[in-house]
Every structure is written in C-alpha cells, then in structure tokens.
Amino acid sequence: MAVPKGKTSKARRDTRRNSHWKISLPGLVTCPKCGAARLPHRMCKSCGYYNDRAVVKTENNND
C-alpha cells in the first residue's frame, strides 16, 4: 500500500531551496587603457574606451 510522505520541515525545505538563488560574482576584466575593473564586452566607465576607441567623451580622455 502507498504510505503518505512525511511532513518536510520549513528548515529542511528552505535549506534545499536556498542554493539555487545565490547571486554569483560577475567576471571582471581590467581595462587595457586605464587599468580599471570593468565588465567584459562593455565600455569602460572610467575612461570611456571600448576596443581601443573612445566611445564616450569623459574628463579622463586624453584625446
């Protein structure tokens, strides 16, 4: 005969669920122009360069 499942406590349930919702740290790379940390495939916020081109004019642009 089928046996009813036992009650799962809140602590056991939450322990099982908590590993799926953790936020991982994004991979950061250093900007070759100024050396600041930035996200890959994105413009550097400190100097405004992407792929050795000035994309945005900032105060730190030397050009």
PDB file of N, CA and C in Angstrom:
ATOM      1  N   MET A   1       0.829  -1.189   0.000  1.00  0.00           N
ATOM      2  CA  MET A   1       0.000   0.000   0.000  1.00  0.00           C
ATOM      3  C   MET A   1       0.868   1.245   0.000  1.00  0.00           C
ATOM      4  N   ALA A   2       0.306   2.308  -0.474  1.00  0.00           N
ATOM      5  CA  ALA A   2       1.033   3.568  -0.503  1.00  0.00           C
ATOM      6  C   ALA A   2       1.101   4.158   0.894  1.00  0.00           C
ATOM      7  N   VAL A   3       2.220   4.730   1.204  1.00  0.00           N
ATOM      8  CA  VAL A   3       2.427   5.360   2.505  1.00  0.00           C
ATOM      9  C   VAL A   3       2.518   6.862   2.276  1.00  0.00           C
ATOM     10  N   PRO A   4       1.793   7.674   3.058  1.00  0.00           N
ATOM     11  CA  PRO A   4       1.891   9.117   2.877  1.00  0.00           C
ATOM     12  C   PRO A   4       3.290   9.610   3.209  1.00  0.00           C
ATOM     13  N   LYS A   5       3.727  10.606   2.460  1.00  0.00           N
ATOM     14  CA  LYS A   5       5.039  11.189   2.717  1.00  0.00           C
ATOM     15  C   LYS A   5       5.009  11.922   4.038  1.00  0.00           C
ATOM     16  N   GLY A   6       6.141  11.927   4.721  1.00  0.00           N
ATOM     17  CA  GLY A   6       6.233  12.664   5.975  1.00  0.00           C
ATOM     18  C   GLY A   6       6.318  14.151   5.724  1.00  0.00           C
ATOM     19  N   LYS A   7       5.957  14.927   6.721  1.00  0.00           N
ATOM     20  CA  LYS A   7       5.993  16.375   6.578  1.00  0.00           C
ATOM     21  C   LYS A   7       7.442  16.844   6.504  1.00  0.00           C
ATOM     22  N   THR A   8       7.733  17.691   5.555  1.00  0.00           N
ATOM     23  CA  THR A   8       9.054  18.304   5.438  1.00  0.00           C
ATOM     24  C   THR A   8       9.045  19.596   6.236  1.00  0.00           C
ATOM     25  N   SER A   9       9.979  19.712   7.149  1.00  0.00           N
ATOM     26  CA  SER A   9      10.022  20.915   7.986  1.00  0.00           C
ATOM     27  C   SER A   9      10.432  22.123   7.153  1.00  0.00           C
ATOM     28  N   LYS A  10      10.144  23.305   7.668  1.00  0.00           N
ATOM     29  CA  LYS A  10      10.488  24.537   6.959  1.00  0.00           C
ATOM     30  C   LYS A  10      11.996  24.682   6.817  1.00  0.00           C
ATOM     31  N   ALA A  11      12.731  24.266   7.831  1.00  0.00           N
ATOM     32  CA  ALA A  11      14.190  24.378   7.775  1.00  0.00           C
ATOM     33  C   ALA A  11      14.759  23.469   6.684  1.00  0.00           C
ATOM     34  N   ARG A  12      14.261  22.252   6.582  1.00  0.00           N
ATOM     35  CA  ARG A  12      14.749  21.323   5.562  1.00  0.00           C
ATOM     36  C   ARG A  12      14.350  21.807   4.163  1.00  0.00           C
ATOM     37  N   ARG A  13      13.128  22.295   4.027  1.00  0.00           N
ATOM     38  CA  ARG A  13      12.651  22.809   2.751  1.00  0.00           C
ATOM     39  C   ARG A  13      13.478  24.010   2.297  1.00  0.00           C
ATOM     40  N   ASP A  14      13.714  24.950   3.211  1.00  0.00           N
ATOM     41  CA  ASP A  14      14.457  26.159   2.856  1.00  0.00           C
ATOM     42  C   ASP A  14      15.925  25.862   2.589  1.00  0.00           C
ATOM     43  N   THR A  15      16.484  24.896   3.297  1.00  0.00           N
ATOM     44  CA  THR A  15      17.873  24.505   3.045  1.00  0.00           C
ATOM     45  C   THR A  15      18.018  23.937   1.645  1.00  0.00           C
ATOM     46  N   ARG A  16      17.050  23.171   1.222  1.00  0.00           N
ATOM     47  CA  ARG A  16      17.086  22.600  -0.124  1.00  0.00           C
ATOM     48  C   ARG A  16      16.944  23.684  -1.186  1.00  0.00           C
ATOM     49  N   ARG A  17      16.127  24.679  -0.943  1.00  0.00           N
ATOM     50  CA  ARG A  17      15.856  25.707  -1.938  1.00  0.00           C
ATOM     51  C   ARG A  17      16.913  26.808  -1.990  1.00  0.00           C
ATOM     52  N   ASN A  18      17.659  27.026  -0.931  1.00  0.00           N
ATOM     53  CA  ASN A  18      18.495  28.230  -0.861  1.00  0.00           C
ATOM     54  C   ASN A  18      19.698  28.210  -1.798  1.00  0.00           C
ATOM     55  N   SER A  19      20.115  27.056  -2.285  1.00  0.00           N
ATOM     56  CA  SER A  19      21.318  27.019  -3.117  1.00  0.00           C
ATOM     57  C   SER A  19      21.052  27.505  -4.542  1.00  0.00           C
ATOM     58  N   HIS A  20      19.805  27.565  -4.972  1.00  0.00           N
ATOM     59  CA  HIS A  20      19.506  27.933  -6.349  1.00  0.00           C
ATOM     60  C   HIS A  20      19.430  29.438  -6.556  1.00  0.00           C
ATOM     61  N   TRP A  21      19.315  30.213  -5.499  1.00  0.00           N
ATOM     62  CA  TRP A  21      19.060  31.639  -5.630  1.00  0.00           C
ATOM     63  C   TRP A  21      20.258  32.508  -5.304  1.00  0.00           C
ATOM     64  N   LYS A  22      21.420  31.916  -5.174  1.00  0.00           N
ATOM     65  CA  LYS A  22      22.605  32.691  -4.825  1.00  0.00           C
ATOM     66  C   LYS A  22      23.094  33.466  -6.044  1.00  0.00           C
ATOM     67  N   ILE A  23      23.477  34.697  -5.823  1.00  0.00           N
ATOM     68  CA  ILE A  23      23.991  35.538  -6.903  1.00  0.00           C
ATOM     69  C   ILE A  23      25.494  35.314  -7.007  1.00  0.00           C
ATOM     70  N   SER A  24      25.950  35.020  -8.208  1.00  0.00           N
ATOM     71  CA  SER A  24      27.371  34.820  -8.404  1.00  0.00           C
ATOM     72  C   SER A  24      28.022  36.147  -8.800  1.00  0.00           C
ATOM     73  N   LEU A  25      29.290  36.262  -8.481  1.00  0.00           N
ATOM     74  CA  LEU A  25      30.034  37.473  -8.790  1.00  0.00           C
ATOM     75  C   LEU A  25      30.293  37.535 -10.292  1.00  0.00           C
ATOM     76  N   PRO A  26      30.017  38.662 -10.947  1.00  0.00           N
ATOM     77  CA  PRO A  26      30.261  38.729 -12.390  1.00  0.00           C
ATOM     78  C   PRO A  26      31.760  38.726 -12.683  1.00  0.00           C
ATOM     79  N   GLY A  27      32.125  38.162 -13.823  1.00  0.00           N
ATOM     80  CA  GLY A  27      33.524  38.133 -14.216  1.00  0.00           C
ATOM     81  C   GLY A  27      33.991  39.517 -14.609  1.00  0.00           C
ATOM     82  N   LEU A  28      34.998  40.022 -13.946  1.00  0.00           N
ATOM     83  CA  LEU A  28      35.516  41.352 -14.240  1.00  0.00           C
ATOM     84  C   LEU A  28      36.857  41.227 -14.948  1.00  0.00           C
ATOM     85  N   VAL A  29      37.112  42.151 -15.866  1.00  0.00           N
ATOM     86  CA  VAL A  29      38.400  42.228 -16.548  1.00  0.00           C
ATOM     87  C   VAL A  29      38.957  43.626 -16.333  1.00  0.00           C
ATOM     88  N   THR A  30      40.245  43.776 -16.550  1.00  0.00           N
ATOM     89  CA  THR A  30      40.856  45.093 -16.394  1.00  0.00           C
ATOM     90  C   THR A  30      40.861  45.803 -17.744  1.00  0.00           C
ATOM     91  N   CYS A  31      40.631  47.076 -17.712  1.00  0.00           N
ATOM     92  CA  CYS A  31      40.637  47.888 -18.922  1.00  0.00           C
ATOM     93  C   CYS A  31      42.082  48.024 -19.404  1.00  0.00           C
ATOM     94  N   PRO A  32      42.350  47.744 -20.680  1.00  0.00           N
ATOM     95  CA  PRO A  32      43.729  47.870 -21.158  1.00  0.00           C
ATOM     96  C   PRO A  32      44.205  49.315 -21.234  1.00  0.00           C
ATOM     97  N   LYS A  33      43.278  50.259 -21.275  1.00  0.00           N
ATOM     98  CA  LYS A  33      43.651  51.668 -21.404  1.00  0.00           C
ATOM     99  C   LYS A  33      44.005  52.282 -20.047  1.00  0.00           C
ATOM    100  N   CYS A  34      43.102  52.101 -19.056  1.00  0.00           N
ATOM    101  CA  CYS A  34      43.322  52.773 -17.768  1.00  0.00           C
ATOM    102  C   CYS A  34      43.557  51.797 -16.618  1.00  0.00           C
ATOM    103  N   GLY A  35      43.259  50.505 -16.803  1.00  0.00           N
ATOM    104  CA  GLY A  35      43.506  49.521 -15.754  1.00  0.00           C
ATOM    105  C   GLY A  35      42.378  49.367 -14.752  1.00  0.00           C
ATOM    106  N   ALA A  36      41.252  50.037 -14.966  1.00  0.00           N
ATOM    107  CA  ALA A  36      40.117  49.916 -14.050  1.00  0.00           C
ATOM    108  C   ALA A  36      39.376  48.604 -14.317  1.00  0.00           C
ATOM    109  N   ALA A  37      38.684  48.093 -13.306  1.00  0.00           N
ATOM    110  CA  ALA A  37      37.892  46.875 -13.472  1.00  0.00           C
ATOM    111  C   ALA A  37      36.595  47.223 -14.195  1.00  0.00           C
ATOM    112  N   ARG A  38      36.243  46.380 -15.178  1.00  0.00           N
ATOM    113  CA  ARG A  38      35.015  46.596 -15.936  1.00  0.00           C
ATOM    114  C   ARG A  38      34.450  45.243 -16.337  1.00  0.00           C
ATOM    115  N   LEU A  39      33.193  45.238 -16.775  1.00  0.00           N
ATOM    116  CA  LEU A  39      32.576  44.018 -17.267  1.00  0.00           C
ATOM    117  C   LEU A  39      33.074  43.729 -18.675  1.00  0.00           C
ATOM    118  N   PRO A  40      33.229  42.454 -19.043  1.00  0.00           N
ATOM    119  CA  PRO A  40      33.706  42.145 -20.386  1.00  0.00           C
ATOM    120  C   PRO A  40      32.690  42.540 -21.448  1.00  0.00           C
ATOM    121  N   HIS A  41      33.164  42.915 -22.615  1.00  0.00           N
ATOM    122  CA  HIS A  41      32.356  43.326 -23.772  1.00  0.00           C
ATOM    123  C   HIS A  41      31.523  44.561 -23.483  1.00  0.00           C
ATOM    124  N   ARG A  42      32.031  45.421 -22.618  1.00  0.00           N
ATOM    125  CA  ARG A  42      31.346  46.671 -22.309  1.00  0.00           C
ATOM    126  C   ARG A  42      32.355  47.798 -22.232  1.00  0.00           C
ATOM    127  N   MET A  43      31.845  48.999 -22.414  1.00  0.00           N
ATOM    128  CA  MET A  43      32.687  50.181 -22.365  1.00  0.00           C
ATOM    129  C   MET A  43      33.196  50.393 -20.938  1.00  0.00           C
ATOM    130  N   CYS A  44      34.393  50.915 -20.820  1.00  0.00           N
ATOM    131  CA  CYS A  44      34.948  51.248 -19.514  1.00  0.00           C
ATOM    132  C   CYS A  44      34.291  52.537 -19.026  1.00  0.00           C
ATOM    133  N   LYS A  45      33.765  52.499 -17.810  1.00  0.00           N
ATOM    134  CA  LYS A  45      33.068  53.673 -17.287  1.00  0.00           C
ATOM    135  C   LYS A  45      34.029  54.771 -16.863  1.00  0.00           C
ATOM    136  N   SER A  46      35.260  54.420 -16.551  1.00  0.00           N
ATOM    137  CA  SER A  46      36.180  55.456 -16.076  1.00  0.00           C
ATOM    138  C   SER A  46      36.849  56.209 -17.217  1.00  0.00           C
ATOM    139  N   CYS A  47      37.203  55.527 -18.316  1.00  0.00           N
ATOM    140  CA  CYS A  47      37.881  56.236 -19.402  1.00  0.00           C
ATOM    141  C   CYS A  47      37.038  56.367 -20.666  1.00  0.00           C
ATOM    142  N   GLY A  48      35.965  55.588 -20.809  1.00  0.00           N
ATOM    143  CA  GLY A  48      35.080  55.721 -21.962  1.00  0.00           C
ATOM    144  C   GLY A  48      35.545  54.991 -23.203  1.00  0.00           C
ATOM    145  N   TYR A  49      36.518  54.091 -23.091  1.00  0.00           N
ATOM    146  CA  TYR A  49      37.047  53.384 -24.254  1.00  0.00           C
ATOM    147  C   TYR A  49      36.457  51.988 -24.356  1.00  0.00           C
ATOM    148  N   TYR A  50      36.312  51.506 -25.606  1.00  0.00           N
ATOM    149  CA  TYR A  50      35.952  50.122 -25.890  1.00  0.00           C
ATOM    150  C   TYR A  50      36.645  49.734 -27.180  1.00  0.00           C
ATOM    151  N   ASN A  51      37.366  48.636 -27.183  1.00  0.00           N
ATOM    152  CA  ASN A  51      38.128  48.166 -28.349  1.00  0.00           C
ATOM    153  C   ASN A  51      39.089  49.234 -28.866  1.00  0.00           C
ATOM    154  N   ASP A  52      39.809  49.871 -27.975  1.00  0.00           N
ATOM    155  CA  ASP A  52      40.806  50.900 -28.295  1.00  0.00           C
ATOM    156  C   ASP A  52      40.216  52.095 -29.042  1.00  0.00           C
ATOM    157  N   ARG A  53      38.933  52.357 -28.847  1.00  0.00           N
ATOM    158  CA  ARG A  53      38.286  53.523 -29.430  1.00  0.00           C
ATOM    159  C   ARG A  53      37.566  54.292 -28.347  1.00  0.00           C
ATOM    160  N   ALA A  54      37.591  55.611 -28.449  1.00  0.00           N
ATOM    161  CA  ALA A  54      36.853  56.437 -27.497  1.00  0.00           C
ATOM    162  C   ALA A  54      35.378  56.403 -27.892  1.00  0.00           C
ATOM    163  N   VAL A  55      34.560  55.800 -27.054  1.00  0.00           N
ATOM    164  CA  VAL A  55      33.139  55.676 -27.341  1.00  0.00           C
ATOM    165  C   VAL A  55      32.375  56.840 -26.717  1.00  0.00           C
ATOM    166  N   VAL A  56      32.784  57.250 -25.532  1.00  0.00           N
ATOM    167  CA  VAL A  56      32.128  58.328 -24.812  1.00  0.00           C
ATOM    168  C   VAL A  56      33.185  59.328 -24.364  1.00  0.00           C
ATOM    169  N   LYS A  57      32.902  60.583 -24.522  1.00  0.00           N
ATOM    170  CA  LYS A  57      33.822  61.616 -24.043  1.00  0.00           C
ATOM    171  C   LYS A  57      33.717  61.731 -22.529  1.00  0.00           C
ATOM    172  N   THR A  58      34.824  61.595 -21.857  1.00  0.00           N
ATOM    173  CA  THR A  58      34.880  61.772 -20.411  1.00  0.00           C
ATOM    174  C   THR A  58      36.002  62.740 -20.087  1.00  0.00           C
ATOM    175  N   GLU A  59      36.097  63.098 -18.831  1.00  0.00           N
ATOM    176  CA  GLU A  59      37.163  64.001 -18.396  1.00  0.00           C
ATOM    177  C   GLU A  59      38.523  63.334 -18.469  1.00  0.00           C
ATOM    178  N   ASN A  60      38.544  61.995 -18.393  1.00  0.00           N
ATOM    179  CA  ASN A  60      39.811  61.260 -18.391  1.00  0.00           C
ATOM    180  C   ASN A  60      40.333  60.982 -19.788  1.00  0.00           C
ATOM    181  N   ASN A  61      39.557  61.263 -20.838  1.00  0.00           N
ATOM    182  CA  ASN A  61      40.035  61.035 -22.212  1.00  0.00           C
ATOM    183  C   ASN A  61      41.213  61.966 -22.491  1.00  0.00           C
ATOM    184  N   ASN A  62      42.280  61.405 -23.018  1.00  0.00           N
ATOM    185  CA  ASN A  62      43.465  62.181 -23.334  1.00  0.00           C
ATOM    186  C   ASN A  62      43.440  62.699 -24.778  1.00  0.00           C
ATOM    187  N   ASP A  63      42.525  62.193 -25.585  1.00  0.00           N
ATOM    188  CA  ASP A  63      42.473  62.582 -26.999  1.00  0.00           C
ATOM    189  C   ASP A  63      41.714  63.854 -27.217  1.00  0.00           C
TER     190      ASP A  63
END
